[in-house]
Amino acid sequence: MRILVLNGPNLNLLGRREPEIYGLQTLADIEVLIRNRAEEHGIEVDFLQSNHEGVLVDAIQEHRDWDGFIINAGALTHTSLAIADAISSVGVPAVEVHLSNVHAREAFRHHSYLSPVVWGQVVGFGYRGYLAALDLLYDRLSREALG
């Protein structure tokens, strides 16, 4: 089982960027937590962070034979039809993650172009949302493998 974790613009600044909203954990901290949980499940996991929309689209397409995606597209969540189209095109189950509760924030954050094309969404639980997304994908993929 292989899962790609994608992070969009400015998530490389986690731990320093508005910690009262996004938490104190750095992206590297979160990756260690995800990698440890993935090992418990026997999942191969890889990570990509980019501030560029096209890099994320390319990664989705290049990993179309993987089993699942976890994606926090950051601000691109609210603007990127290209990322939504890429997810939709490859047919890989994806979970959208947001550290903060985007529905309790500014109105522009309430709309996600990704939500209609992902399997589910985890919002507002900080870094734990990534772990929940990994566990949920693992459960789904395990059930599918059993038939």
Protein backbone atom coordinates (compact mmCIF):
# COMPACT_ATOMS: atom_id res chain seq x y z
CA MET A 1 0.00 0.00 0.00
CA ARG A 2 1.42 3.36 -1.06
CA ILE A 3 0.13 6.79 -0.02
CA LEU A 4 1.42 10.16 -1.16
CA VAL A 5 1.09 13.14 1.18
CA LEU A 6 0.90 16.44 -0.67
CA ASN A 7 1.22 19.87 0.93
CA GLY A 8 0.69 23.15 -0.86
CA PRO A 9 1.81 26.74 -0.54
CA ASN A 10 3.24 28.09 2.70
CA LEU A 11 2.97 24.80 4.56
CA ASN A 12 6.76 24.72 4.54
CA LEU A 13 6.47 27.54 7.11
CA LEU A 14 4.52 25.49 9.66
CA GLY A 15 5.73 25.98 13.20
CA ARG A 16 6.59 29.61 12.46
CA ARG A 17 3.55 30.78 10.52
CA GLU A 18 0.67 31.83 12.78
CA PRO A 19 1.19 29.06 15.34
CA GLU A 20 -2.00 30.09 17.13
CA ILE A 21 -3.88 28.92 14.01
CA TYR A 22 -1.68 26.21 12.53
CA GLY A 23 0.12 24.84 15.60
CA LEU A 24 3.72 24.58 16.68
CA GLN A 25 4.62 21.46 14.69
CA THR A 26 6.79 21.94 11.63
CA LEU A 27 6.06 20.11 8.41
CA ALA A 28 9.09 17.90 9.17
CA ASP A 29 7.57 17.06 12.59
CA ILE A 30 4.29 16.10 10.95
CA GLU A 31 6.07 13.97 8.36
CA VAL A 32 7.83 12.01 11.13
CA LEU A 33 4.48 11.37 12.85
CA ILE A 34 2.90 10.23 9.59
CA ARG A 35 5.88 8.04 8.71
CA ASN A 36 5.73 6.36 12.14
CA ARG A 37 1.99 5.68 11.81
CA ALA A 38 2.49 4.43 8.24
CA GLU A 39 5.12 1.96 9.48
CA GLU A 40 2.62 0.61 12.03
CA HIS A 41 0.23 -0.11 9.15
CA GLY A 42 2.89 -1.36 6.74
CA ILE A 43 2.26 1.54 4.37
CA GLU A 44 4.87 3.06 2.08
CA VAL A 45 4.51 6.82 2.34
CA ASP A 46 6.13 9.67 0.47
CA PHE A 47 5.87 13.44 0.87
CA LEU A 48 5.87 16.46 -1.37
CA GLN A 49 5.45 20.12 -0.50
CA SER A 50 5.37 22.79 -3.16
CA ASN A 51 4.40 26.41 -3.39
CA HIS A 52 3.59 25.84 -7.08
CA GLU A 53 0.29 24.50 -8.37
CA GLY A 54 1.77 22.75 -11.41
CA VAL A 55 4.23 20.79 -9.29
CA LEU A 56 1.32 19.41 -7.26
CA VAL A 57 -0.64 18.56 -10.43
CA ASP A 58 2.42 16.78 -11.87
CA ALA A 59 2.89 14.80 -8.64
CA ILE A 60 -0.74 13.66 -8.65
CA GLN A 61 -0.43 12.49 -12.24
CA GLU A 62 2.95 10.83 -11.67
CA HIS A 63 1.58 8.91 -8.66
CA ARG A 64 -1.65 7.79 -10.34
CA ASP A 65 -0.72 4.15 -9.74
CA TRP A 66 -0.44 4.71 -5.97
CA ASP A 67 -3.22 3.66 -3.63
CA GLY A 68 -4.14 6.95 -2.00
CA PHE A 69 -3.42 10.62 -1.47
CA ILE A 70 -3.57 12.89 1.52
CA ILE A 71 -3.65 16.51 0.42
CA ASN A 72 -3.49 19.82 2.20
CA ALA A 73 -3.46 22.18 -0.76
CA GLY A 74 -3.37 25.26 1.47
CA ALA A 75 -4.77 28.33 -0.26
CA LEU A 76 -4.94 26.40 -3.55
CA THR A 77 -7.87 24.51 -2.02
CA HIS A 78 -10.00 27.58 -2.65
CA THR A 79 -8.71 28.44 -6.13
CA SER A 80 -7.37 25.43 -8.01
CA LEU A 81 -9.54 23.74 -10.56
CA ALA A 82 -6.32 22.21 -11.93
CA ILE A 83 -5.62 20.26 -8.73
CA ALA A 84 -9.26 19.18 -8.50
CA ASP A 85 -9.18 18.02 -12.12
CA ALA A 86 -5.94 16.11 -11.53
CA ILE A 87 -7.40 14.28 -8.53
CA SER A 88 -10.58 13.52 -10.43
CA SER A 89 -8.66 12.34 -13.50
CA VAL A 90 -6.48 9.76 -11.77
CA GLY A 91 -9.25 8.08 -9.78
CA VAL A 92 -7.11 7.57 -6.66
CA PRO A 93 -8.92 7.97 -3.33
CA ALA A 94 -7.83 11.16 -1.62
CA VAL A 95 -8.47 12.79 1.73
CA GLU A 96 -8.35 16.57 2.03
CA VAL A 97 -6.78 17.84 5.26
CA HIS A 98 -6.75 21.28 6.85
CA LEU A 99 -5.03 22.04 10.13
CA SER A 100 -7.52 24.74 11.09
CA ASN A 101 -11.30 24.63 10.87
CA VAL A 102 -11.64 26.45 7.57
CA HIS A 103 -15.42 26.63 8.04
CA ALA A 104 -14.97 28.81 11.13
CA ARG A 105 -12.63 31.24 9.39
CA GLU A 106 -12.91 33.83 6.62
CA ALA A 107 -15.72 33.26 4.12
CA PHE A 108 -13.34 32.66 1.19
CA ARG A 109 -11.98 29.59 3.04
CA HIS A 110 -15.41 27.95 3.20
CA HIS A 111 -15.33 26.82 -0.42
CA SER A 112 -13.12 23.97 -1.56
CA TYR A 113 -12.66 22.96 -5.17
CA LEU A 114 -11.21 19.69 -3.89
CA SER A 115 -14.11 18.54 -1.73
CA PRO A 116 -16.30 17.34 -4.60
CA VAL A 117 -13.52 15.09 -5.93
CA VAL A 118 -11.97 13.68 -2.74
CA TRP A 119 -13.22 10.77 -0.68
CA GLY A 120 -13.38 12.85 2.50
CA GLN A 121 -12.21 15.87 4.39
CA VAL A 122 -10.62 16.26 7.85
CA VAL A 123 -10.56 19.83 9.18
CA GLY A 124 -9.70 21.56 12.42
CA PHE A 125 -7.70 18.92 14.26
CA GLY A 126 -4.21 20.26 13.65
CA TYR A 127 -1.52 17.72 12.79
CA ARG A 128 -3.81 14.94 14.04
CA GLY A 129 -5.88 15.41 10.89
CA TYR A 130 -3.08 13.91 8.81
CA LEU A 131 -2.97 10.86 11.08
CA ALA A 132 -6.74 10.48 10.91
CA ALA A 133 -6.60 10.72 7.11
CA LEU A 134 -3.91 8.03 7.00
CA ASP A 135 -5.89 5.72 9.28
CA LEU A 136 -9.07 6.25 7.26
CA LEU A 137 -7.35 5.55 3.95
CA TYR A 138 -5.70 2.48 5.42
CA ASP A 139 -9.07 1.14 6.58
CA ARG A 140 -10.70 1.79 3.21
CA LEU A 141 -7.86 0.31 1.18
CA SER A 142 -7.62 -2.73 3.44
CA ARG A 143 -11.34 -3.43 3.04
CA GLU A 144 -11.07 -3.00 -0.74
CA ALA A 145 -8.14 -5.44 -0.85
CA LEU A 146 -10.24 -8.06 0.92
CA GLY A 147 -12.90 -7.71 -1.75
